[in-house]
């Protein structure tokens, strides 16, 4: 009798485990198929009926995919409980971020969640944890079962999301570069030209746009040494504060624009200079990491122009020449951002994850 009862319990346990596995896999299939259907609109003709049908239900597919992923993460078998709870917490954070983004940002703009995220890359910060949880799950599948496609997805998923942010980072650089070139071009335009007057009237606007673009890039910049990144961001903030203070306290009472005041009063470089110091640090990083010749030259040209103006040791002819060089190098620098491939593969992080997650499938026997 006892043996029969034991066999019944064992069979019941096996049946329950089988149901769990089926549900776990069903969640994965739901998440995968929902994503494939939603993403297919990128490859369908815009005027096709199927394209319109899927586009109208993008958020529904997103919700189904998130639900399927949540089910799989609830049933996932990982020996290290802390890792399982971390993936589940990331999923919950991503769901909350998605709901908040939809209700607070997308809905007032009369857009779907997916459409809003595509048009506003910074929204990746809010929905990203959901995909981080998905990345952890497929990494586990690749590690435990030797699935090649799961291993590839471990790199593809963050590459797509981070690539979205890389585009935003480069957009900030291009905005900063183009704003500077347009503003600086008045030094080479005839004083009586319409274009000269138009740019001169909006110098502070171009300065603000350039500073904003630079700030965006410094916020998204990828530097392994956090202290360097924070230093560049602090210099940017100090330069912005100095610029605002110079405009409100010195330039405005003198009925001048900020740029015009700095040109006529070289000591004002002390207040706006940190902004350009941050820019110099950024182009130095670009030159060092990607071997860009024009970025390396800018590392010397930018401080040379500012210090030459501050000290008065450089005559106007030399300053205008260096300004022209600065413009040309900045154009090349910004232009090459359109042709530079997006590569987001961090081997160091992968190796770190490998050492952390090895116990998932092969726990200690002690």
Protein backbone atom coordinates (compact mmCIF):
# COMPACT_ATOMS: atom_id res chain seq x y z
CA UNK A 1 0.00 0.00 0.00
CA UNK A 2 2.78 2.42 0.94
CA UNK A 3 4.63 1.61 -2.26
CA UNK A 4 1.52 2.26 -4.34
CA UNK A 5 1.05 5.60 -2.59
CA UNK A 6 4.69 6.50 -3.26
CA UNK A 7 4.31 5.64 -6.95
CA UNK A 8 1.17 7.76 -7.13
CA UNK A 9 2.98 10.74 -5.63
CA UNK A 10 5.93 10.27 -7.99
CA UNK A 11 3.63 10.10 -11.03
CA UNK A 12 1.69 13.14 -9.81
CA UNK A 13 4.94 15.04 -9.28
CA UNK A 14 6.17 14.13 -12.76
CA UNK A 15 2.85 15.18 -14.27
CA UNK A 16 2.98 18.51 -12.43
CA UNK A 17 6.56 19.09 -13.62
CA UNK A 18 5.51 18.28 -17.17
CA UNK A 19 2.68 20.81 -16.98
CA UNK A 20 5.10 23.42 -15.68
CA UNK A 21 7.52 22.78 -18.54
CA UNK A 22 4.70 22.99 -21.10
CA UNK A 23 3.49 26.28 -19.60
CA UNK A 24 7.06 27.62 -19.47
CA UNK A 25 7.60 26.82 -23.13
CA UNK A 26 4.17 28.18 -24.03
CA UNK A 27 5.17 31.48 -22.46
CA UNK A 28 8.35 31.54 -24.54
CA UNK A 29 6.44 30.73 -27.73
CA UNK A 30 3.89 33.45 -26.96
CA UNK A 31 6.63 36.02 -26.32
CA UNK A 32 8.57 35.00 -29.43
CA UNK A 33 5.62 34.86 -31.82
CA UNK A 34 4.22 38.16 -30.53
CA UNK A 35 7.54 39.86 -31.16
CA UNK A 36 7.96 38.32 -34.63
CA UNK A 37 4.46 39.38 -35.69
CA UNK A 38 4.90 42.92 -34.32
CA UNK A 39 8.39 43.35 -35.80
CA UNK A 40 7.28 42.08 -39.21
CA UNK A 41 5.76 45.46 -40.09
CA UNK A 42 9.30 46.72 -40.64
CA UNK A 43 9.49 44.39 -43.65
CA UNK A 44 5.90 44.61 -44.96
CA UNK A 45 4.81 47.17 -47.59
CA UNK A 46 3.34 50.26 -45.92
CA UNK A 47 0.18 50.09 -48.01
CA UNK A 48 -0.56 46.41 -47.35
CA UNK A 49 -3.61 45.32 -45.36
CA UNK A 50 -1.51 43.08 -43.10
CA UNK A 51 0.82 45.99 -42.28
CA UNK A 52 -2.12 48.17 -41.21
CA UNK A 53 -3.71 45.34 -39.21
CA UNK A 54 -0.54 44.64 -37.24
CA UNK A 55 0.24 48.35 -36.75
CA UNK A 56 -3.19 48.93 -35.20
CA UNK A 57 -2.55 46.17 -32.65
CA UNK A 58 1.14 46.70 -31.81
CA UNK A 59 0.43 47.35 -28.14
CA UNK A 60 -1.70 44.20 -27.97
CA UNK A 61 1.18 42.09 -29.28
CA UNK A 62 3.51 43.86 -26.84
CA UNK A 63 1.18 43.02 -23.93
CA UNK A 64 0.87 39.39 -25.06
CA UNK A 65 4.64 39.09 -25.37
CA UNK A 66 5.20 40.65 -21.94
CA UNK A 67 2.60 38.30 -20.45
CA UNK A 68 4.20 35.23 -22.02
CA UNK A 69 7.63 36.32 -20.81
CA UNK A 70 6.25 36.87 -17.31
CA UNK A 71 4.76 33.37 -17.25
CA UNK A 72 8.08 31.83 -18.32
CA UNK A 73 10.02 33.83 -15.74
CA UNK A 74 7.59 32.72 -13.04
CA UNK A 75 8.12 29.06 -13.95
CA UNK A 76 11.79 29.24 -14.94
CA UNK A 77 14.13 26.74 -13.26
CA UNK A 78 17.30 28.42 -12.00
CA UNK A 79 19.32 26.99 -9.13
CA UNK A 80 20.44 30.41 -7.88
CA UNK A 81 17.27 31.96 -6.48
CA UNK A 82 18.72 35.47 -6.38
CA UNK A 83 19.23 35.44 -10.16
CA UNK A 84 15.69 34.21 -10.74
CA UNK A 85 14.28 36.95 -8.49
CA UNK A 86 16.42 39.55 -10.26
CA UNK A 87 15.02 38.57 -13.67
CA UNK A 88 11.49 38.64 -12.27
CA UNK A 89 12.11 42.06 -10.71
CA UNK A 90 13.44 43.37 -14.04
CA UNK A 91 10.31 42.07 -15.76
CA UNK A 92 8.04 43.78 -13.19
CA UNK A 93 10.04 47.02 -13.49
CA UNK A 94 9.76 46.88 -17.28
CA UNK A 95 6.00 46.30 -17.12
CA UNK A 96 5.54 49.23 -14.73
CA UNK A 97 7.76 51.39 -16.94
CA UNK A 98 5.78 50.40 -20.03
CA UNK A 99 2.44 51.20 -18.41
CA UNK A 100 3.73 54.52 -17.08
CA UNK A 101 5.22 55.46 -20.46
CA UNK A 102 1.95 54.66 -22.21
CA UNK A 103 -0.28 56.53 -19.75
CA UNK A 104 1.93 59.55 -19.05
CA UNK A 105 3.73 60.06 -22.37
CA UNK A 106 2.29 58.09 -25.27
CA UNK A 107 -1.44 58.44 -24.63
CA UNK A 108 -1.41 62.27 -24.26
CA UNK A 109 0.49 62.39 -27.58
CA UNK A 110 -2.19 60.15 -29.14
CA UNK A 111 0.35 57.45 -29.96
CA UNK A 112 0.76 53.75 -29.28
CA UNK A 113 3.45 52.71 -26.82
CA UNK A 114 5.62 51.06 -29.46
CA UNK A 115 5.33 54.01 -31.84
CA UNK A 116 6.26 56.40 -29.03
CA UNK A 117 9.36 54.38 -28.09
CA UNK A 118 10.46 54.24 -31.74
CA UNK A 119 10.15 58.02 -32.08
CA UNK A 120 11.61 58.82 -28.64
CA UNK A 121 14.71 56.66 -27.96
CA UNK A 122 15.01 57.85 -24.34
CA UNK A 123 11.84 55.86 -23.58
CA UNK A 124 14.05 52.76 -23.83
CA UNK A 125 15.12 53.55 -20.25
CA UNK A 126 11.53 52.82 -19.12
CA UNK A 127 10.75 49.69 -21.16
CA UNK A 128 14.34 48.40 -21.24
CA UNK A 129 14.20 46.31 -18.02
CA UNK A 130 11.62 44.05 -19.71
CA UNK A 131 14.10 43.27 -22.49
CA UNK A 132 16.91 42.92 -19.93
CA UNK A 133 14.84 40.15 -18.30
CA UNK A 134 14.33 38.56 -21.73
CA UNK A 135 18.07 38.75 -22.40
CA UNK A 136 18.77 37.00 -19.10
CA UNK A 137 16.28 34.25 -19.97
CA UNK A 138 17.73 33.53 -23.42
CA UNK A 139 21.24 33.63 -21.95
CA UNK A 140 20.15 30.95 -19.48
CA UNK A 141 18.72 28.87 -22.33
CA UNK A 142 21.92 29.20 -24.34
CA UNK A 143 24.12 28.41 -21.35
CA UNK A 144 22.13 25.43 -20.07
CA UNK A 145 21.13 23.77 -23.33
CA UNK A 146 23.88 24.93 -25.69
CA UNK A 147 21.41 26.71 -27.97
CA UNK A 148 23.37 28.71 -30.52
CA UNK A 149 20.43 30.97 -31.41
CA UNK A 150 19.85 31.80 -27.73
CA UNK A 151 23.50 32.77 -27.38
CA UNK A 152 23.21 35.09 -30.37
CA UNK A 153 20.05 36.67 -28.95
CA UNK A 154 22.02 37.50 -25.79
CA UNK A 155 23.97 39.99 -27.91
CA UNK A 156 21.30 40.93 -30.46
CA UNK A 157 18.62 42.11 -27.97
CA UNK A 158 20.81 44.61 -26.05
CA UNK A 159 22.50 45.63 -29.31
CA UNK A 160 19.17 46.68 -30.81
CA UNK A 161 18.13 48.59 -27.68
CA UNK A 162 21.51 50.17 -27.06
CA UNK A 163 21.84 50.85 -30.77
CA UNK A 164 18.68 52.90 -30.46
CA UNK A 165 20.44 54.97 -27.78
CA UNK A 166 23.64 55.12 -29.87
CA UNK A 167 21.62 56.85 -32.59
CA UNK A 168 20.44 59.36 -30.00
CA UNK A 169 24.03 59.86 -28.78
CA UNK A 170 25.19 60.56 -32.32
CA UNK A 171 22.23 62.86 -32.93
CA UNK A 172 23.42 64.94 -29.98
CA UNK A 173 26.91 65.18 -31.47
CA UNK A 174 25.55 66.15 -34.89
CA UNK A 175 23.31 68.79 -33.28
CA UNK A 176 26.25 70.26 -31.36
CA UNK A 177 28.49 70.22 -34.42
CA UNK A 178 26.00 71.71 -36.88
CA UNK A 179 24.93 74.40 -34.38
CA UNK A 180 28.54 75.46 -33.88
CA UNK A 181 29.33 75.49 -37.61
CA UNK A 182 26.26 77.58 -38.43
CA UNK A 183 26.98 80.05 -35.62
CA UNK A 184 30.70 80.34 -36.44
CA UNK A 185 30.01 80.84 -40.15
CA UNK A 186 29.21 84.54 -39.59
CA UNK A 187 32.95 85.13 -39.23
CA UNK A 188 33.25 84.27 -42.94
CA UNK A 189 30.03 85.78 -44.29
CA UNK A 190 29.79 89.37 -45.62
CA UNK A 191 28.53 91.74 -42.90
CA UNK A 192 25.77 93.10 -45.14
CA UNK A 193 24.39 89.72 -46.21
CA UNK A 194 20.92 88.57 -45.18
CA UNK A 195 22.24 85.22 -43.96
CA UNK A 196 24.81 86.95 -41.75
CA UNK A 197 22.11 89.06 -40.09
CA UNK A 198 19.79 86.08 -39.67
CA UNK A 199 22.44 83.98 -37.94
CA UNK A 200 23.70 86.88 -35.83
CA UNK A 201 20.18 87.47 -34.48
CA UNK A 202 19.96 83.84 -33.35
CA UNK A 203 23.49 83.19 -32.05
CA UNK A 204 22.30 82.41 -28.53
CA UNK A 205 19.70 79.99 -29.92
CA UNK A 206 22.40 78.05 -31.80
CA UNK A 207 24.55 78.11 -28.65
CA UNK A 208 21.67 76.66 -26.60
CA UNK A 209 20.98 73.98 -29.21
CA UNK A 210 24.65 73.02 -29.32
CA UNK A 211 24.90 72.89 -25.54
CA UNK A 212 21.75 70.76 -25.38
CA UNK A 213 23.05 68.33 -28.01
CA UNK A 214 26.38 68.05 -26.21
CA UNK A 215 24.59 67.44 -22.90
CA UNK A 216 22.54 64.65 -24.44
CA UNK A 217 25.64 62.95 -25.83
CA UNK A 218 27.49 63.27 -22.52
CA UNK A 219 24.50 61.74 -20.74
CA UNK A 220 24.51 58.72 -23.08
CA UNK A 221 28.28 58.44 -23.61
CA UNK A 222 29.86 55.04 -22.94
CA UNK A 223 33.05 55.33 -20.89
CA UNK A 224 34.29 52.44 -18.74
CA UNK A 225 35.80 54.73 -16.09
CA UNK A 226 32.74 56.24 -14.42
CA UNK A 227 34.75 59.02 -12.77
CA UNK A 228 35.80 60.38 -16.20
CA UNK A 229 32.22 60.32 -17.45
CA UNK A 230 30.98 62.15 -14.34
CA UNK A 231 33.78 64.72 -14.67
CA UNK A 232 32.77 65.53 -18.26
CA UNK A 233 29.12 65.80 -17.22
CA UNK A 234 30.08 68.07 -14.30
CA UNK A 235 32.11 70.31 -16.64
CA UNK A 236 29.11 70.52 -18.98
CA UNK A 237 26.79 71.47 -16.10
CA UNK A 238 29.30 74.04 -14.83
CA UNK A 239 29.59 75.53 -18.33
CA UNK A 240 25.81 75.73 -18.71
CA UNK A 241 25.47 77.45 -15.32
CA UNK A 242 28.31 79.81 -16.21
CA UNK A 243 26.72 80.63 -19.55
CA UNK A 244 23.33 81.36 -17.99
CA UNK A 245 24.91 83.49 -15.27
CA UNK A 246 27.05 85.41 -17.78
CA UNK A 247 24.02 86.12 -19.94
CA UNK A 248 21.73 87.22 -17.10
CA UNK A 249 24.26 89.15 -14.98
CA UNK A 250 26.64 90.59 -17.59
CA UNK A 251 25.38 90.36 -21.17
CA UNK A 252 21.70 91.20 -20.73
CA UNK A 253 22.28 94.42 -18.70
CA UNK A 254 24.67 95.49 -21.47
CA UNK A 255 21.95 94.73 -24.07
CA UNK A 256 24.12 92.14 -25.79
CA UNK A 257 23.83 88.49 -26.73
CA UNK A 258 25.90 85.99 -24.79
CA UNK A 259 28.18 85.15 -27.73
CA UNK A 260 28.74 88.81 -28.57
CA UNK A 261 29.59 89.58 -24.95
CA UNK A 262 32.14 86.74 -24.76
CA UNK A 263 33.74 87.93 -28.02
CA UNK A 264 34.10 91.46 -26.68
CA UNK A 265 35.09 90.40 -23.14
CA UNK A 266 37.67 87.58 -23.26
CA UNK A 267 37.61 87.06 -19.48
CA UNK A 268 34.09 85.66 -19.88
CA UNK A 269 35.75 82.53 -21.29
CA UNK A 270 36.31 81.52 -17.65
CA UNK A 271 32.53 81.15 -17.25
CA UNK A 272 31.64 79.40 -20.52
CA UNK A 273 34.94 77.52 -20.86
CA UNK A 274 33.95 74.37 -18.90
CA UNK A 275 31.35 73.63 -21.59
CA UNK A 276 34.09 73.53 -24.22
CA UNK A 277 36.34 71.57 -21.87
CA UNK A 278 33.62 68.90 -21.78
CA UNK A 279 33.44 69.00 -25.57
CA UNK A 280 37.21 68.61 -25.79
CA UNK A 281 37.03 65.58 -23.50
CA UNK A 282 34.33 64.02 -25.67
CA UNK A 283 36.21 64.45 -28.95
CA UNK A 284 39.37 63.14 -27.26
CA UNK A 285 37.44 60.01 -26.28
CA UNK A 286 36.15 59.62 -29.84
CA UNK A 287 39.64 60.02 -31.25
CA UNK A 288 41.16 57.61 -28.74
CA UNK A 289 38.49 54.91 -29.05
CA UNK A 290 37.83 55.01 -32.79
CA UNK A 291 41.12 56.37 -34.14
CA UNK A 292 39.49 59.44 -35.69
CA UNK A 293 42.15 61.82 -36.94
CA UNK A 294 39.83 64.84 -37.00
CA UNK A 295 38.77 64.19 -33.38
CA UNK A 296 42.42 64.06 -32.33
CA UNK A 297 43.10 67.42 -33.99
CA UNK A 298 40.01 68.97 -32.38
CA UNK A 299 41.46 68.05 -28.99
CA UNK A 300 44.17 70.66 -29.62
CA UNK A 301 42.28 73.19 -31.77
CA UNK A 302 39.36 73.81 -29.37
CA UNK A 303 41.44 74.77 -26.29
CA UNK A 304 43.90 76.70 -28.51
CA UNK A 305 41.16 79.01 -29.81
CA UNK A 306 39.69 79.58 -26.35
CA UNK A 307 43.01 80.14 -24.62
CA UNK A 308 44.18 82.39 -27.44
CA UNK A 309 41.06 84.54 -27.01
CA UNK A 310 41.32 84.52 -23.21
CA UNK A 311 44.97 85.54 -23.01
CA UNK A 312 44.93 87.92 -25.95
CA UNK A 313 48.15 86.36 -27.26
CA UNK A 314 46.48 85.41 -30.53
CA UNK A 315 45.56 88.06 -33.11
CA UNK A 316 42.21 88.03 -34.90
CA UNK A 317 43.66 86.61 -38.13
CA UNK A 318 45.03 83.51 -36.39
CA UNK A 319 41.83 83.07 -34.39
CA UNK A 320 39.67 83.21 -37.54
CA UNK A 321 41.99 80.73 -39.27
CA UNK A 322 41.80 78.29 -36.36
CA UNK A 323 38.04 78.84 -36.20
CA UNK A 324 37.82 77.80 -39.84
CA UNK A 325 39.89 74.70 -39.11
CA UNK A 326 37.62 73.95 -36.14
CA UNK A 327 34.55 74.23 -38.40
CA UNK A 328 36.03 71.96 -41.09
CA UNK A 329 37.12 69.31 -38.58
CA UNK A 330 33.76 69.43 -36.83
CA UNK A 331 31.97 68.95 -40.15
CA UNK A 332 34.09 65.89 -40.91
CA UNK A 333 33.63 64.60 -37.37
CA UNK A 334 29.82 64.97 -37.44
CA UNK A 335 29.55 63.70 -41.02
CA UNK A 336 31.44 60.48 -40.28
CA UNK A 337 28.92 59.69 -37.55
CA UNK A 338 26.42 58.89 -40.30
CA UNK A 339 28.71 56.24 -41.80
CA UNK A 340 30.14 54.74 -38.61
CA UNK A 341 28.61 51.28 -38.00
CA UNK A 342 26.77 50.68 -34.74
CA UNK A 343 28.50 47.96 -32.75
CA UNK A 344 27.30 47.22 -29.25
CA UNK A 345 29.11 44.08 -28.11
CA UNK A 346 30.84 44.25 -24.77
CA UNK A 347 33.06 41.16 -24.31
CA UNK A 348 34.04 42.12 -20.78
CA UNK A 349 30.41 42.19 -19.64
CA UNK A 350 29.78 38.84 -21.33
CA UNK A 351 32.68 37.18 -19.54
CA UNK A 352 31.54 38.68 -16.24
CA UNK A 353 28.02 37.32 -16.78
CA UNK A 354 29.48 33.94 -17.67
CA UNK A 355 31.29 33.68 -14.34
CA UNK A 356 28.22 34.86 -12.42
CA UNK A 357 25.67 32.65 -14.18
CA UNK A 358 27.62 29.40 -14.49
CA UNK A 359 25.98 28.07 -11.28
CA UNK A 360 22.57 28.32 -12.98
CA UNK A 361 22.98 24.95 -14.68
CA UNK A 362 25.92 23.44 -12.82
CA UNK A 363 25.42 24.03 -9.07
CA UNK A 364 28.08 23.14 -6.57
CA UNK A 365 28.00 19.50 -5.48
CA UNK A 366 29.18 20.31 -1.98
